[in-house]
Amino acid sequence: MPIKTAIWVSGHLRRCFANGLSGVVARHGADEAGAVLVRVIARNGEVRLYGPPPGPAFDDIGQRRFRAMTDGAADAATVDALVRRELSFDPDLWVIDIDDDRGEGLLDGIER
C-alpha cells in the first residue's frame, strides 16, 4: 500500500538532505494522495521537471513512479509554465524543488 504523499515528500527531502542536497516544498498539495512534481535545479540555472507518468502512479511494490516532463534541461520559465499548466488540472498537486547538479534529485523509478 502506498504511503501518504505528505510522508513521502518529507522522507524524500530528508533523504536529499542526508546526501548533501537541499530542497524545499514549493507547493503543499493534498496530504493523503496528491501527485508530486519535482523541479531539479542545477547551479547553472538549468531545470528538469519530473512528474507522475500516465497510468498508475506507483509500481508493483508501492514505489512512486516518475517520468521526465522536459527533454533534458530547460530554462526556469519553461518549467514554471509546465507547472502552472499541471496546477490548472490538479489543485491537489505538490511541487518540490531540489538543488542537484546531477539532475535527478535522488528520484527512484524515473521512466525514460
Protein backbone atom coordinates (compact mmCIF):
# COMPACT_ATOMS: atom_id res chain seq x y z
CA MET A 1 0.00 0.00 0.00
CA PRO A 2 1.45 3.39 -0.97
CA ILE A 3 2.25 5.84 1.80
CA LYS A 4 0.58 9.24 2.11
CA THR A 5 2.05 11.93 -0.09
CA ALA A 6 2.96 14.20 2.85
CA ILE A 7 5.02 11.38 4.39
CA TRP A 8 6.70 10.55 1.07
CA VAL A 9 7.65 14.21 0.47
CA SER A 10 9.05 14.57 3.99
CA GLY A 11 11.04 11.36 3.69
CA HIS A 12 12.36 12.23 0.24
CA LEU A 13 13.55 15.65 1.38
CA ARG A 14 15.28 14.05 4.39
CA ARG A 15 16.96 11.58 2.03
CA CYS A 16 18.15 14.51 -0.10
CA PHE A 17 19.50 16.35 2.97
CA ALA A 18 21.34 13.19 4.10
CA ASN A 19 23.01 13.04 0.66
CA GLY A 20 24.15 16.67 0.68
CA LEU A 21 21.33 18.09 -1.45
CA SER A 22 19.00 20.88 -0.44
CA GLY A 23 15.30 21.01 -1.18
CA VAL A 24 12.05 22.71 -0.24
CA VAL A 25 8.33 22.24 -0.59
CA ALA A 26 7.39 24.91 -3.14
CA ARG A 27 3.69 23.99 -3.05
CA HIS A 28 1.90 21.90 -0.45
CA GLY A 29 -0.76 19.71 -2.01
CA ALA A 30 -3.20 17.15 -0.62
CA ASP A 31 -1.65 15.25 2.30
CA GLU A 32 -3.37 11.97 1.54
CA ALA A 33 -2.85 11.35 -2.17
CA GLY A 34 -1.70 14.43 -4.07
CA ALA A 35 0.52 13.95 -7.11
CA VAL A 36 4.11 15.23 -6.89
CA LEU A 37 6.08 17.35 -9.35
CA VAL A 38 9.82 17.61 -8.70
CA ARG A 39 11.84 20.52 -10.09
CA VAL A 40 15.54 19.64 -10.07
CA ILE A 41 17.63 22.78 -10.28
CA ALA A 42 21.32 22.93 -11.21
CA ARG A 43 23.71 25.72 -10.25
CA ASN A 44 23.96 26.82 -13.88
CA GLY A 45 20.23 27.59 -13.91
CA GLU A 46 19.11 24.55 -15.87
CA VAL A 47 15.96 22.90 -14.56
CA ARG A 48 14.47 19.45 -15.09
CA LEU A 49 10.90 18.60 -14.23
CA TYR A 50 9.70 15.17 -13.17
CA GLY A 51 6.11 14.15 -12.56
CA PRO A 52 3.83 11.15 -12.47
CA PRO A 53 3.68 9.05 -15.63
CA PRO A 54 0.45 8.19 -17.42
CA GLY A 55 -1.24 5.23 -15.76
CA PRO A 56 -0.55 4.09 -12.23
CA ALA A 57 1.48 6.48 -10.08
CA PHE A 58 3.01 3.54 -8.19
CA ASP A 59 4.84 0.41 -9.28
CA ASP A 60 4.09 -3.15 -8.15
CA ILE A 61 5.82 -2.70 -4.80
CA GLY A 62 4.27 0.68 -3.98
CA GLN A 63 7.15 2.95 -5.07
CA ARG A 64 6.25 6.24 -6.74
CA ARG A 65 6.95 6.31 -10.46
CA PHE A 66 8.24 9.43 -12.23
CA ARG A 67 8.81 10.49 -15.81
CA ALA A 68 10.81 13.36 -17.24
CA MET A 69 8.43 16.12 -18.27
CA THR A 70 11.15 18.06 -20.09
CA ASP A 71 13.54 16.84 -22.76
CA GLY A 72 16.71 17.24 -20.76
CA ALA A 73 17.38 20.52 -19.05
CA ALA A 74 15.16 23.53 -19.70
CA ASP A 75 15.06 27.15 -18.62
CA ALA A 76 13.13 28.12 -15.49
CA ALA A 77 10.39 29.96 -17.41
CA THR A 78 9.56 26.87 -19.49
CA VAL A 79 9.39 24.65 -16.41
CA ASP A 80 7.29 27.21 -14.50
CA ALA A 81 4.79 27.25 -17.38
CA LEU A 82 4.56 23.45 -17.26
CA VAL A 83 3.96 23.56 -13.50
CA ARG A 84 1.22 26.19 -13.89
CA ARG A 85 -0.45 24.06 -16.56
CA GLU A 86 -0.40 20.98 -14.33
CA LEU A 87 -1.79 23.01 -11.41
CA SER A 88 -4.72 24.11 -13.57
CA PHE A 89 -5.68 20.42 -13.90
CA ASP A 90 -4.83 19.25 -10.38
CA PRO A 91 -5.26 21.62 -7.41
CA ASP A 92 -4.04 18.87 -5.02
CA LEU A 93 -0.58 18.83 -6.62
CA TRP A 94 2.64 19.07 -4.64
CA VAL A 95 5.73 20.79 -6.06
CA ILE A 96 9.14 20.22 -4.51
CA ASP A 97 12.38 21.88 -5.56
CA ILE A 98 15.68 20.05 -5.21
CA ASP A 99 19.11 21.52 -5.92
CA ASP A 100 21.10 18.81 -7.67
CA ASP A 101 23.72 19.32 -10.37
CA ARG A 102 23.38 15.64 -11.40
CA GLY A 103 19.81 16.40 -12.49
CA GLU A 104 17.77 13.59 -10.91
CA GLY A 105 17.05 14.72 -7.35
CA LEU A 106 17.58 11.20 -5.97
CA LEU A 107 14.34 10.05 -7.59
CA ASP A 108 13.93 6.31 -7.97
CA GLY A 109 11.84 4.85 -10.75
CA ILE A 110 12.31 7.52 -13.42
CA GLU A 111 10.87 6.24 -16.67
CA ARG A 112 12.66 7.28 -19.82
